[in-house]
Each structure stands twice: as structure tokens, then as C-alpha cells.
Protein backbone atom coordinates (compact mmCIF):
# COMPACT_ATOMS: atom_id res chain seq x y z
CA VAL A 1 20.49 1.82 0.21
CA PHE A 2 18.14 -1.00 1.16
CA LEU A 3 15.29 0.30 -0.98
CA ASN A 4 17.61 0.61 -3.99
CA LEU A 5 18.78 -2.99 -3.61
CA MET A 6 15.24 -4.27 -3.20
CA VAL A 7 14.00 -2.37 -6.28
CA ASN A 8 16.94 -3.71 -8.30
CA GLY A 9 16.09 -7.21 -7.09
CA VAL A 10 12.46 -6.87 -8.13
CA HIS A 11 13.56 -5.61 -11.56
CA ALA A 12 15.91 -8.60 -11.93
CA ILE A 13 13.10 -10.99 -11.00
CA HIS A 14 10.71 -9.43 -13.52
CA ALA A 15 13.38 -9.58 -16.22
CA ALA A 16 13.91 -13.30 -15.56
CA ARG A 17 10.48 -14.66 -14.68
CA GLU A 18 6.98 -14.03 -15.94
CA ASN A 19 5.25 -15.35 -12.82
CA GLY A 20 7.31 -13.54 -10.19
CA GLY A 21 10.02 -14.81 -7.92
CA THR A 22 11.45 -14.39 -4.47
CA LEU A 23 13.11 -11.43 -2.81
CA THR A 24 14.58 -12.25 0.60
CA LEU A 25 15.68 -9.79 3.26
CA SER A 26 17.54 -11.13 6.30
CA THR A 27 19.53 -9.64 9.16
CA THR A 28 22.14 -11.00 11.53
CA SER A 29 24.68 -9.59 13.93
CA ASP A 30 28.02 -10.83 15.15
CA GLY A 31 28.21 -8.29 17.96
CA LYS A 32 30.46 -5.91 16.03
CA PHE A 33 28.54 -5.62 12.76
CA LEU A 34 24.94 -5.68 11.66
CA HIS A 35 24.64 -7.72 8.46
CA VAL A 36 21.75 -7.18 6.07
CA GLU A 37 21.33 -9.53 3.11
CA ILE A 38 19.07 -8.84 0.18
CA ALA A 39 18.78 -11.73 -2.26
CA ASP A 40 16.69 -12.36 -5.36
CA ASP A 41 16.17 -15.29 -7.69
CA GLY A 42 16.25 -13.07 -10.76
CA MET A 43 18.46 -13.15 -13.81
CA GLY A 44 21.78 -12.75 -11.98
CA ILE A 45 24.77 -10.71 -13.14
CA PRO A 46 27.43 -12.11 -15.49
CA PRO A 47 30.85 -12.47 -13.80
CA ASP A 48 32.50 -9.96 -16.13
CA LYS A 49 29.99 -7.29 -15.04
CA VAL A 50 29.98 -7.93 -11.29
CA ALA A 51 33.29 -6.07 -10.87
CA LYS A 52 31.78 -2.98 -12.54
CA ILE A 53 28.40 -2.68 -10.83
CA PHE A 54 29.55 -0.10 -8.28
CA GLU A 55 31.05 2.19 -10.94
CA PRO A 56 29.06 5.37 -11.61
CA PHE A 57 26.92 5.18 -14.77
CA PHE A 58 27.41 1.42 -15.23
CA THR A 59 24.10 -0.40 -15.62
CA THR A 60 23.00 -3.86 -16.66
CA LYS A 61 19.55 -2.53 -17.54
CA LYS A 62 18.40 -1.80 -21.08
CA SER A 63 19.13 1.63 -22.53
CA GLY A 64 16.87 4.28 -21.01
CA LYS A 65 15.88 2.05 -18.06
CA GLY A 66 18.58 2.97 -15.56
CA THR A 67 21.11 5.69 -14.81
CA GLY A 68 23.77 3.43 -13.36
CA LEU A 69 24.00 5.57 -10.23
CA GLY A 70 22.01 3.54 -7.68
CA LEU A 71 24.71 1.06 -6.66
CA ALA A 72 27.49 3.67 -6.88
CA ILE A 73 25.58 5.92 -4.47
CA ALA A 74 24.66 2.98 -2.22
CA LYS A 75 28.32 1.96 -1.95
CA LYS A 76 29.36 5.52 -1.17
CA ILE A 77 26.80 5.74 1.64
CA ILE A 78 27.91 2.40 3.08
CA ASP A 79 31.58 3.44 2.87
CA GLU A 80 30.79 6.71 4.67
CA HIS A 81 29.31 4.65 7.51
CA LYS A 82 32.50 2.53 7.70
CA GLY A 83 30.66 -0.49 6.32
CA ARG A 84 31.08 -2.76 3.35
CA ILE A 85 28.95 -4.28 0.64
CA ASP A 86 29.62 -7.65 -0.95
CA VAL A 87 27.87 -9.31 -3.85
CA GLU A 88 27.51 -12.88 -5.06
CA SER A 89 25.70 -13.55 -8.31
CA THR A 90 25.06 -16.49 -10.58
CA PRO A 91 23.55 -15.86 -14.01
CA GLY A 92 20.15 -17.51 -14.26
CA GLU A 93 19.92 -18.06 -10.50
CA GLY A 94 20.02 -14.68 -8.81
CA THR A 95 22.03 -12.21 -6.78
CA ARG A 96 22.78 -11.70 -3.08
CA PHE A 97 24.05 -8.44 -1.60
CA ARG A 98 25.42 -8.37 1.94
CA ILE A 99 25.78 -5.05 3.70
CA SER A 100 27.82 -5.01 6.90
CA LEU A 101 27.59 -1.94 9.13
CA PRO A 102 29.47 -1.41 12.38
CA ILE A 103 27.25 -1.37 15.45
CA GLN A 104 29.55 1.13 17.19
CA PRO A 105 30.40 4.19 15.07
């Protein structure tokens, strides 16, 4: 899950910037959940597409560059662990994913 989000972030950065950008990974805990945030300063996702990114076979990548399964599979894995994934994105500024996993199963 984390690797998929980081690879997507790197792809978004390369699509938006010639000289690289920033991918940030941070963790916190509130005692009940472990929160992992993965953020990039890439191209961002348009608001009309954010609602679809967890659907199987939906991709924002160019034809032939992605299967559209990575985020659908990631969400399924997180759901199976009783967690959640949230996304905030601003076109031209970047995207932040927040995964929250329960500390106690």
C-alpha cells in the first residue's frame, strides 16, 4: 500500500516538474490509530476525478501507463485491516493520502 502511494507520488511529481519535487512520508498516532501520510507536490488530481480514484481500472495516467488497479487494491487492503484512506488534492499543488490503521486489531 505504502509503496504504491509513493510510486504514484513520484510519477505525479515527474509529470508536473522537470527538476523534481518533494515526496513526504509522516506518521502519527492518537493511541487508537496509526496515521501514515504520504504527500507529494506533483500535478494533483482534478476534483471530478478524486471521487473515482479508488474504482478498479480508473487511472489518471496516460493510456498504456497504468492499469488503474493500484489504488483499488490499496483501499481493499486497508479496508480488510479495518482502516481507512482519505485523500486531499489540489490541481497544480499536489496530493496527500492519509491512511489510518487501528493499533488494536
